[in-house]
Amino acid sequence: MTTKAELVASIAEKSGLNQKQAKEALDAFIESVTDAVKGGQEVRIVGFGSFVPVAREAGTARNPRTGETVARPASKTVRFRVGEGLKSAIN
């Protein structure tokens, strides 16, 4: 697992930015993606992947420990779809 601090260090090293600038760039990226997805927009980074907002309807779920059925409220979540460039790089 890579932490945010390790990611900032890697960005700084690869881009020539200092640690503070790299952290600000990463924070700006995260905030921009969050704002877009929160507004219902898909964020597509060609060659890397897409952040896709998904609305989940209310339903029922089962507690695996007790077997009890409980109501699950409607919620919003985000899915990440891997792009071809990233998929190729890891295979």
N, C-alpha and C. Protein backbone atom coordinates (compact mmCIF):
# COMPACT_ATOMS: atom_id res chain seq x y z
N MET A 1 0.85 -1.18 0.00
CA MET A 1 0.00 0.00 0.00
C MET A 1 0.89 1.24 0.00
N THR A 2 0.49 2.22 -0.75
CA THR A 2 1.20 3.49 -0.81
C THR A 2 0.37 4.54 -0.07
N THR A 3 1.02 5.26 0.81
CA THR A 3 0.33 6.31 1.56
C THR A 3 0.33 7.62 0.75
N LYS A 4 -0.46 8.57 1.21
CA LYS A 4 -0.51 9.87 0.54
C LYS A 4 0.86 10.55 0.59
N ALA A 5 1.56 10.44 1.72
CA ALA A 5 2.89 11.04 1.86
C ALA A 5 3.87 10.43 0.87
N GLU A 6 3.80 9.12 0.67
CA GLU A 6 4.67 8.46 -0.29
C GLU A 6 4.33 8.87 -1.72
N LEU A 7 3.05 9.04 -1.98
CA LEU A 7 2.61 9.49 -3.30
C LEU A 7 3.10 10.91 -3.57
N VAL A 8 3.01 11.78 -2.57
CA VAL A 8 3.50 13.16 -2.70
C VAL A 8 5.00 13.15 -3.00
N ALA A 9 5.76 12.33 -2.29
CA ALA A 9 7.21 12.24 -2.50
C ALA A 9 7.51 11.76 -3.92
N SER A 10 6.76 10.79 -4.40
CA SER A 10 6.96 10.28 -5.75
C SER A 10 6.63 11.33 -6.80
N ILE A 11 5.54 12.06 -6.61
CA ILE A 11 5.17 13.14 -7.53
C ILE A 11 6.25 14.21 -7.56
N ALA A 12 6.75 14.58 -6.38
CA ALA A 12 7.80 15.60 -6.30
C ALA A 12 9.05 15.16 -7.04
N GLU A 13 9.43 13.91 -6.85
CA GLU A 13 10.64 13.39 -7.50
C GLU A 13 10.50 13.33 -9.01
N LYS A 14 9.35 12.86 -9.49
CA LYS A 14 9.16 12.67 -10.93
C LYS A 14 8.85 13.96 -11.68
N SER A 15 8.32 14.97 -10.98
CA SER A 15 7.93 16.18 -11.67
C SER A 15 8.89 17.35 -11.49
N GLY A 16 9.80 17.22 -10.52
CA GLY A 16 10.71 18.32 -10.26
C GLY A 16 10.11 19.37 -9.34
N LEU A 17 8.93 19.11 -8.81
CA LEU A 17 8.32 20.03 -7.85
C LEU A 17 8.89 19.76 -6.47
N ASN A 18 8.78 20.75 -5.58
CA ASN A 18 9.18 20.46 -4.20
C ASN A 18 8.01 19.76 -3.51
N GLN A 19 8.23 19.28 -2.28
CA GLN A 19 7.22 18.50 -1.56
C GLN A 19 5.93 19.30 -1.37
N LYS A 20 6.05 20.57 -1.02
CA LYS A 20 4.87 21.40 -0.78
C LYS A 20 4.04 21.56 -2.06
N GLN A 21 4.72 21.83 -3.18
CA GLN A 21 4.02 22.00 -4.45
C GLN A 21 3.34 20.69 -4.89
N ALA A 22 4.04 19.58 -4.67
CA ALA A 22 3.48 18.27 -5.04
C ALA A 22 2.25 17.96 -4.20
N LYS A 23 2.29 18.28 -2.90
CA LYS A 23 1.13 18.05 -2.03
C LYS A 23 -0.03 18.92 -2.47
N GLU A 24 0.24 20.19 -2.80
CA GLU A 24 -0.81 21.09 -3.27
C GLU A 24 -1.42 20.58 -4.58
N ALA A 25 -0.59 20.07 -5.49
CA ALA A 25 -1.09 19.54 -6.76
C ALA A 25 -1.97 18.31 -6.52
N LEU A 26 -1.53 17.41 -5.66
CA LEU A 26 -2.32 16.22 -5.36
C LEU A 26 -3.64 16.59 -4.69
N ASP A 27 -3.58 17.51 -3.72
CA ASP A 27 -4.80 17.96 -3.05
C ASP A 27 -5.78 18.60 -4.03
N ALA A 28 -5.25 19.39 -4.98
CA ALA A 28 -6.09 20.04 -5.99
C ALA A 28 -6.73 18.99 -6.90
N PHE A 29 -5.98 17.96 -7.26
CA PHE A 29 -6.51 16.88 -8.08
C PHE A 29 -7.65 16.17 -7.35
N ILE A 30 -7.41 15.81 -6.11
CA ILE A 30 -8.43 15.10 -5.31
C ILE A 30 -9.68 15.96 -5.16
N GLU A 31 -9.50 17.23 -4.87
CA GLU A 31 -10.64 18.14 -4.71
C GLU A 31 -11.41 18.29 -6.02
N SER A 32 -10.70 18.40 -7.14
CA SER A 32 -11.36 18.55 -8.44
C SER A 32 -12.17 17.31 -8.81
N VAL A 33 -11.60 16.13 -8.59
CA VAL A 33 -12.31 14.88 -8.88
C VAL A 33 -13.53 14.76 -7.96
N THR A 34 -13.35 15.07 -6.68
CA THR A 34 -14.45 14.99 -5.71
C THR A 34 -15.59 15.91 -6.11
N ASP A 35 -15.27 17.15 -6.47
CA ASP A 35 -16.31 18.12 -6.86
C ASP A 35 -17.06 17.66 -8.10
N ALA A 36 -16.33 17.15 -9.09
CA ALA A 36 -16.97 16.71 -10.33
C ALA A 36 -17.89 15.51 -10.08
N VAL A 37 -17.41 14.52 -9.34
CA VAL A 37 -18.21 13.32 -9.07
C VAL A 37 -19.40 13.66 -8.19
N LYS A 38 -19.18 14.56 -7.24
CA LYS A 38 -20.27 15.01 -6.36
C LYS A 38 -21.38 15.66 -7.18
N GLY A 39 -21.00 16.34 -8.25
CA GLY A 39 -21.96 16.99 -9.15
C GLY A 39 -22.56 16.04 -10.17
N GLY A 40 -22.24 14.75 -10.08
CA GLY A 40 -22.81 13.76 -10.98
C GLY A 40 -22.07 13.57 -12.28
N GLN A 41 -20.87 14.16 -12.40
CA GLN A 41 -20.10 14.04 -13.64
C GLN A 41 -19.09 12.90 -13.54
N GLU A 42 -18.86 12.25 -14.66
CA GLU A 42 -17.81 11.23 -14.76
C GLU A 42 -16.49 11.94 -15.02
N VAL A 43 -15.42 11.50 -14.36
CA VAL A 43 -14.09 12.06 -14.61
C VAL A 43 -13.29 11.00 -15.35
N ARG A 44 -12.92 11.31 -16.59
CA ARG A 44 -12.22 10.34 -17.43
C ARG A 44 -10.80 10.84 -17.70
N ILE A 45 -9.82 10.03 -17.33
CA ILE A 45 -8.42 10.33 -17.60
C ILE A 45 -7.95 9.27 -18.59
N VAL A 46 -7.82 9.68 -19.85
CA VAL A 46 -7.49 8.75 -20.93
C VAL A 46 -6.20 8.01 -20.61
N GLY A 47 -6.24 6.70 -20.74
CA GLY A 47 -5.08 5.86 -20.49
C GLY A 47 -4.93 5.44 -19.04
N PHE A 48 -5.67 6.08 -18.14
CA PHE A 48 -5.58 5.74 -16.72
C PHE A 48 -6.87 5.10 -16.24
N GLY A 49 -7.98 5.81 -16.38
CA GLY A 49 -9.26 5.26 -15.96
C GLY A 49 -10.30 6.34 -15.76
N SER A 50 -11.47 5.92 -15.27
CA SER A 50 -12.59 6.83 -15.07
C SER A 50 -13.17 6.67 -13.67
N PHE A 51 -13.52 7.80 -13.06
CA PHE A 51 -14.24 7.81 -11.80
C PHE A 51 -15.70 8.04 -12.17
N VAL A 52 -16.57 7.08 -11.85
CA VAL A 52 -17.95 7.13 -12.29
C VAL A 52 -18.88 7.18 -11.08
N PRO A 53 -19.72 8.24 -10.98
CA PRO A 53 -20.68 8.30 -9.87
C PRO A 53 -21.80 7.28 -10.09
N VAL A 54 -22.21 6.63 -9.00
CA VAL A 54 -23.26 5.62 -9.08
C VAL A 54 -24.25 5.85 -7.95
N ALA A 55 -25.53 5.83 -8.28
CA ALA A 55 -26.58 5.95 -7.27
C ALA A 55 -27.09 4.55 -6.97
N ARG A 56 -27.07 4.17 -5.70
CA ARG A 56 -27.59 2.87 -5.28
C ARG A 56 -28.97 3.07 -4.67
N GLU A 57 -29.91 2.29 -5.14
CA GLU A 57 -31.27 2.38 -4.62
C GLU A 57 -31.34 1.75 -3.23
N ALA A 58 -32.38 2.14 -2.48
CA ALA A 58 -32.61 1.52 -1.18
C ALA A 58 -32.96 0.05 -1.39
N GLY A 59 -32.66 -0.75 -0.41
CA GLY A 59 -32.96 -2.17 -0.52
C GLY A 59 -32.83 -2.85 0.82
N THR A 60 -32.68 -4.14 0.79
CA THR A 60 -32.50 -4.89 2.03
C THR A 60 -31.15 -5.57 1.99
N ALA A 61 -30.59 -5.75 3.15
CA ALA A 61 -29.31 -6.43 3.29
C ALA A 61 -29.44 -7.41 4.45
N ARG A 62 -28.48 -8.32 4.53
CA ARG A 62 -28.53 -9.30 5.60
C ARG A 62 -27.25 -9.23 6.40
N ASN A 63 -27.39 -9.17 7.73
CA ASN A 63 -26.24 -9.19 8.61
C ASN A 63 -25.68 -10.61 8.58
N PRO A 64 -24.43 -10.80 8.10
CA PRO A 64 -23.90 -12.16 7.97
C PRO A 64 -23.69 -12.86 9.32
N ARG A 65 -23.50 -12.10 10.36
CA ARG A 65 -23.26 -12.69 11.68
C ARG A 65 -24.55 -13.24 12.30
N THR A 66 -25.62 -12.42 12.22
CA THR A 66 -26.87 -12.81 12.88
C THR A 66 -27.91 -13.34 11.90
N GLY A 67 -27.74 -13.06 10.62
CA GLY A 67 -28.73 -13.47 9.64
C GLY A 67 -29.93 -12.53 9.58
N GLU A 68 -29.91 -11.49 10.40
CA GLU A 68 -31.01 -10.53 10.46
C GLU A 68 -31.07 -9.69 9.18
N THR A 69 -32.27 -9.47 8.66
CA THR A 69 -32.47 -8.63 7.49
C THR A 69 -32.66 -7.19 7.95
N VAL A 70 -31.94 -6.28 7.31
CA VAL A 70 -32.03 -4.87 7.66
C VAL A 70 -32.26 -4.04 6.40
N ALA A 71 -32.87 -2.87 6.59
CA ALA A 71 -33.11 -1.97 5.46
C ALA A 71 -31.82 -1.21 5.17
N ARG A 72 -31.47 -1.14 3.89
CA ARG A 72 -30.29 -0.39 3.46
C ARG A 72 -30.79 0.86 2.75
N PRO A 73 -30.41 2.05 3.24
CA PRO A 73 -30.89 3.28 2.61
C PRO A 73 -30.23 3.52 1.25
N ALA A 74 -30.85 4.34 0.43
CA ALA A 74 -30.26 4.74 -0.84
C ALA A 74 -28.98 5.51 -0.56
N SER A 75 -28.01 5.37 -1.43
CA SER A 75 -26.74 6.07 -1.23
C SER A 75 -26.07 6.33 -2.57
N LYS A 76 -25.06 7.17 -2.53
CA LYS A 76 -24.25 7.46 -3.71
C LYS A 76 -22.86 6.93 -3.46
N THR A 77 -22.22 6.43 -4.49
CA THR A 77 -20.86 5.94 -4.37
C THR A 77 -20.13 6.22 -5.68
N VAL A 78 -18.88 5.85 -5.74
CA VAL A 78 -18.06 6.07 -6.94
C VAL A 78 -17.40 4.75 -7.32
N ARG A 79 -17.39 4.48 -8.59
CA ARG A 79 -16.69 3.30 -9.10
C ARG A 79 -15.54 3.78 -9.97
N PHE A 80 -14.47 3.00 -9.96
CA PHE A 80 -13.32 3.32 -10.80
C PHE A 80 -13.23 2.27 -11.89
N ARG A 81 -13.21 2.70 -13.13
CA ARG A 81 -13.03 1.80 -14.26
C ARG A 81 -11.61 1.98 -14.78
N VAL A 82 -10.89 0.91 -14.85
CA VAL A 82 -9.48 0.95 -15.28
C VAL A 82 -9.40 1.22 -16.77
N GLY A 83 -8.49 2.13 -17.15
CA GLY A 83 -8.26 2.43 -18.56
C GLY A 83 -7.27 1.45 -19.17
N GLU A 84 -7.24 1.41 -20.49
CA GLU A 84 -6.35 0.47 -21.20
C GLU A 84 -4.88 0.66 -20.87
N GLY A 85 -4.43 1.91 -20.76
CA GLY A 85 -3.01 2.17 -20.46
C GLY A 85 -2.59 1.58 -19.13
N LEU A 86 -3.39 1.80 -18.10
CA LEU A 86 -3.09 1.26 -16.77
C LEU A 86 -3.20 -0.26 -16.77
N LYS A 87 -4.22 -0.76 -17.42
CA LYS A 87 -4.42 -2.22 -17.50
C LYS A 87 -3.23 -2.89 -18.18
N SER A 88 -2.74 -2.30 -19.24
CA SER A 88 -1.58 -2.84 -19.95
C SER A 88 -0.32 -2.78 -19.09
N ALA A 89 -0.18 -1.70 -18.35
CA ALA A 89 1.02 -1.51 -17.53
C ALA A 89 1.13 -2.53 -16.41
N ILE A 90 -0.01 -3.00 -15.87
CA ILE A 90 0.07 -3.93 -14.76
C ILE A 90 0.01 -5.39 -15.19
N ASN A 91 -0.29 -5.64 -16.45
CA ASN A 91 -0.33 -7.03 -16.93
C ASN A 91 0.88 -7.39 -17.73
